[in-house]
Amino acid sequence: MSFARVRALVVVGLLAILALVFVVVAVVRDSQGNAGTAKSCPDGWPLADVTLRETKDVKINVLNATDEVGRAGSVADDFRNRKFQVKKVGNAPKGVDDVAVLRFGPKGVGSAHLLRAYFLDNAELDYDDKRTDDTVDVVLGSAFQQLATTTEVNQSLGDLGSPAAPPGSCPAPVKK
């Protein structure tokens, strides 16, 4: 091996070591370690529960905002068959043209995220930071056809990724 080649390898090795030291120092001194957590949350912002729930842990109210009589009852039965906790079934005060509207507060963020998959991310989200319960109102609109199949839900969840805190809120600390 020639002297020039050895010298080049030594220089590359030293640069790699310097880069590694730089990265370690940057990570250790990172001042944004609490970014996106409850510790860095501005005063007055609600803490959003971004835990993705299992269906058995999701509480919903199913409301019919269409002209079709009994729509909420049949969809509520479908949700019950899928192990959701259906709390109330009824009619919405006004019609909705969309597929559905999901109304929820900070405690219902993870549940609403799961429900989005059942509507293949075609439901409008209506987040209310003043709402204090963990129930999600599922308001069925005139464009609603049917809930997604299990396979479609799983694919949709993969496309949606992890639940995120809505604007104006911070992720709540993870419960262990």
Protein backbone atom coordinates (compact mmCIF):
# COMPACT_ATOMS: atom_id res chain seq x y z
CA MET A 1 0.00 0.00 0.00
CA SER A 2 1.36 3.38 -0.94
CA PHE A 3 2.06 6.18 1.50
CA ALA A 4 -0.58 8.43 -0.14
CA ARG A 5 -3.26 5.77 0.27
CA VAL A 6 -2.39 5.22 3.97
CA ARG A 7 -2.47 8.96 4.59
CA ALA A 8 -5.90 9.20 2.88
CA LEU A 9 -7.27 6.38 5.07
CA VAL A 10 -5.96 8.10 8.21
CA VAL A 11 -7.59 11.40 7.20
CA VAL A 12 -10.93 9.69 6.45
CA GLY A 13 -10.75 7.84 9.78
CA LEU A 14 -10.09 11.06 11.71
CA LEU A 15 -12.98 12.80 9.94
CA ALA A 16 -15.29 9.92 10.85
CA ILE A 17 -14.24 10.11 14.51
CA LEU A 18 -14.75 13.90 14.57
CA ALA A 19 -18.20 13.51 13.01
CA LEU A 20 -19.14 10.90 15.62
CA VAL A 21 -17.95 13.15 18.48
CA PHE A 22 -19.92 16.07 17.00
CA VAL A 23 -23.13 14.01 16.82
CA VAL A 24 -22.75 12.73 20.39
CA VAL A 25 -22.17 16.27 21.73
CA ALA A 26 -25.17 17.59 19.76
CA VAL A 27 -27.47 14.88 21.13
CA VAL A 28 -26.27 15.33 24.72
CA ARG A 29 -26.66 19.13 24.60
CA ASP A 30 -29.99 19.06 22.75
CA SER A 31 -32.18 21.79 24.23
CA GLN A 32 -35.27 20.57 22.40
CA GLY A 33 -35.43 17.26 24.22
CA ASN A 34 -38.86 18.15 25.61
CA ALA A 35 -40.26 19.50 22.35
CA GLY A 36 -43.68 18.04 21.64
CA THR A 37 -44.16 16.80 25.20
CA ALA A 38 -46.27 17.98 28.12
CA LYS A 39 -43.19 19.56 29.75
CA SER A 40 -42.80 22.00 26.87
CA CYS A 41 -46.53 22.70 26.53
CA PRO A 42 -47.55 26.38 26.67
CA ASP A 43 -49.73 27.37 29.62
CA GLY A 44 -53.41 26.79 29.03
CA TRP A 45 -53.00 24.29 26.19
CA PRO A 46 -54.88 21.02 26.73
CA LEU A 47 -53.03 17.71 26.87
CA ALA A 48 -54.23 15.39 24.11
CA ASP A 49 -54.35 11.64 24.70
CA VAL A 50 -52.63 10.38 21.54
CA THR A 51 -52.70 6.71 22.56
CA LEU A 52 -54.12 4.57 19.77
CA ARG A 53 -57.01 2.69 21.39
CA GLU A 54 -58.32 -0.81 20.85
CA THR A 55 -61.95 -0.94 19.73
CA LYS A 56 -63.09 -2.32 23.11
CA ASP A 57 -61.75 0.85 24.78
CA VAL A 58 -63.39 3.34 22.41
CA LYS A 59 -66.61 5.05 23.54
CA ILE A 60 -68.83 6.51 20.82
CA ASN A 61 -72.16 8.21 20.26
CA VAL A 62 -73.66 7.46 16.84
CA LEU A 63 -75.78 10.25 15.38
CA ASN A 64 -77.77 10.26 12.15
CA ALA A 65 -77.46 13.46 10.10
CA THR A 66 -79.18 12.00 7.01
CA ASP A 67 -82.78 11.70 5.82
CA GLU A 68 -82.63 7.91 6.18
CA VAL A 69 -84.60 6.80 9.23
CA GLY A 70 -82.82 4.31 11.50
CA ARG A 71 -79.37 4.85 9.97
CA ALA A 72 -77.69 5.55 13.33
CA GLY A 73 -79.17 2.38 14.87
CA SER A 74 -77.91 0.05 12.15
CA VAL A 75 -74.43 1.63 12.13
CA ALA A 76 -74.35 1.52 15.95
CA ASP A 77 -75.07 -2.22 15.76
CA ASP A 78 -72.20 -2.59 13.29
CA PHE A 79 -69.89 -0.75 15.71
CA ARG A 80 -71.09 -2.94 18.61
CA ASN A 81 -70.31 -6.04 16.55
CA ARG A 82 -66.80 -4.66 16.17
CA LYS A 83 -66.53 -4.34 19.98
CA PHE A 84 -66.90 -0.53 20.28
CA GLN A 85 -68.68 0.86 23.36
CA VAL A 86 -71.76 2.57 21.90
CA LYS A 87 -73.12 4.99 24.52
CA LYS A 88 -75.86 6.90 22.68
CA VAL A 89 -77.73 6.51 19.40
CA GLY A 90 -79.85 9.30 17.97
CA ASN A 91 -80.34 12.02 15.41
CA ALA A 92 -78.04 14.99 14.84
CA PRO A 93 -79.63 18.45 15.00
CA LYS A 94 -78.64 19.29 11.42
CA GLY A 95 -77.73 17.44 8.25
CA VAL A 96 -74.21 16.65 7.08
CA ASP A 97 -73.26 16.25 3.41
CA ASP A 98 -69.92 14.56 4.11
CA VAL A 99 -69.33 10.87 4.81
CA ALA A 100 -69.14 11.53 8.55
CA VAL A 101 -68.00 14.02 11.15
CA LEU A 102 -65.99 12.88 14.18
CA ARG A 103 -66.44 15.24 17.13
CA PHE A 104 -64.04 14.82 20.03
CA GLY A 105 -61.96 16.55 22.67
CA PRO A 106 -58.40 16.13 23.97
CA LYS A 107 -59.18 12.82 25.70
CA GLY A 108 -60.64 11.37 22.50
CA VAL A 109 -57.78 12.05 20.07
CA GLY A 110 -56.50 8.45 19.96
CA SER A 111 -60.04 7.09 19.66
CA ALA A 112 -60.91 9.50 16.84
CA HIS A 113 -57.72 8.47 15.04
CA LEU A 114 -58.84 4.83 15.09
CA LEU A 115 -62.33 5.80 13.92
CA ARG A 116 -60.85 7.71 10.96
CA ALA A 117 -59.67 4.36 9.63
CA TYR A 118 -63.23 2.97 9.73
CA PHE A 119 -64.20 5.78 7.34
CA LEU A 120 -61.00 5.36 5.26
CA ASP A 121 -59.89 8.86 6.33
CA ASN A 122 -62.97 10.39 4.67
CA ALA A 123 -64.54 11.68 7.90
CA GLU A 124 -64.27 15.34 8.80
CA LEU A 125 -62.59 15.96 12.14
CA ASP A 126 -64.24 18.39 14.58
CA TYR A 127 -61.87 18.87 17.53
CA ASP A 128 -63.13 20.85 20.54
CA ASP A 129 -60.37 21.64 23.05
CA LYS A 130 -63.02 22.45 25.71
CA ARG A 131 -64.60 19.00 25.60
CA THR A 132 -63.75 17.03 28.74
CA ASP A 133 -64.93 13.46 28.03
CA ASP A 134 -63.23 10.68 26.05
CA THR A 135 -66.28 9.85 23.93
CA VAL A 136 -66.29 10.51 20.18
CA ASP A 137 -69.47 11.59 18.43
CA VAL A 138 -69.79 9.81 15.09
CA VAL A 139 -72.14 11.93 12.98
CA LEU A 140 -73.19 10.04 9.85
CA GLY A 141 -73.56 12.18 6.73
CA SER A 142 -75.48 11.70 3.51
CA ALA A 143 -72.34 10.51 1.66
CA PHE A 144 -71.87 7.59 4.11
CA GLN A 145 -72.14 4.13 2.52
CA GLN A 146 -70.67 1.61 4.97
CA LEU A 147 -67.87 1.08 7.47
CA ALA A 148 -64.58 -0.24 6.14
CA THR A 149 -63.72 -3.94 6.35
CA THR A 150 -61.11 -5.16 8.82
CA THR A 151 -58.50 -5.37 6.05
CA GLU A 152 -59.32 -1.85 4.85
CA VAL A 153 -59.16 -0.52 8.42
CA ASN A 154 -55.71 -2.06 8.93
CA GLN A 155 -54.44 -0.62 5.66
CA SER A 156 -55.91 2.78 6.47
CA LEU A 157 -54.29 2.77 9.92
CA GLY A 158 -50.94 2.07 8.25
CA ASP A 159 -51.50 5.02 5.91
CA LEU A 160 -52.60 7.32 8.74
CA GLY A 161 -49.57 6.60 10.95
CA SER A 162 -49.62 7.43 14.65
CA PRO A 163 -52.14 9.75 16.30
CA ALA A 164 -50.91 13.34 16.67
CA ALA A 165 -51.97 16.12 18.99
CA PRO A 166 -54.29 18.59 17.21
CA PRO A 167 -53.10 22.19 16.75
CA GLY A 168 -53.33 24.12 19.99
CA SER A 169 -52.73 21.05 22.16
CA CYS A 170 -49.79 18.99 23.36
CA PRO A 171 -49.38 15.21 23.60
CA ALA A 172 -50.20 13.95 27.10
CA PRO A 173 -47.55 11.89 28.90
CA VAL A 174 -47.84 8.19 28.09
CA LYS A 175 -49.52 6.20 30.86
CA LYS A 176 -47.57 3.14 31.91
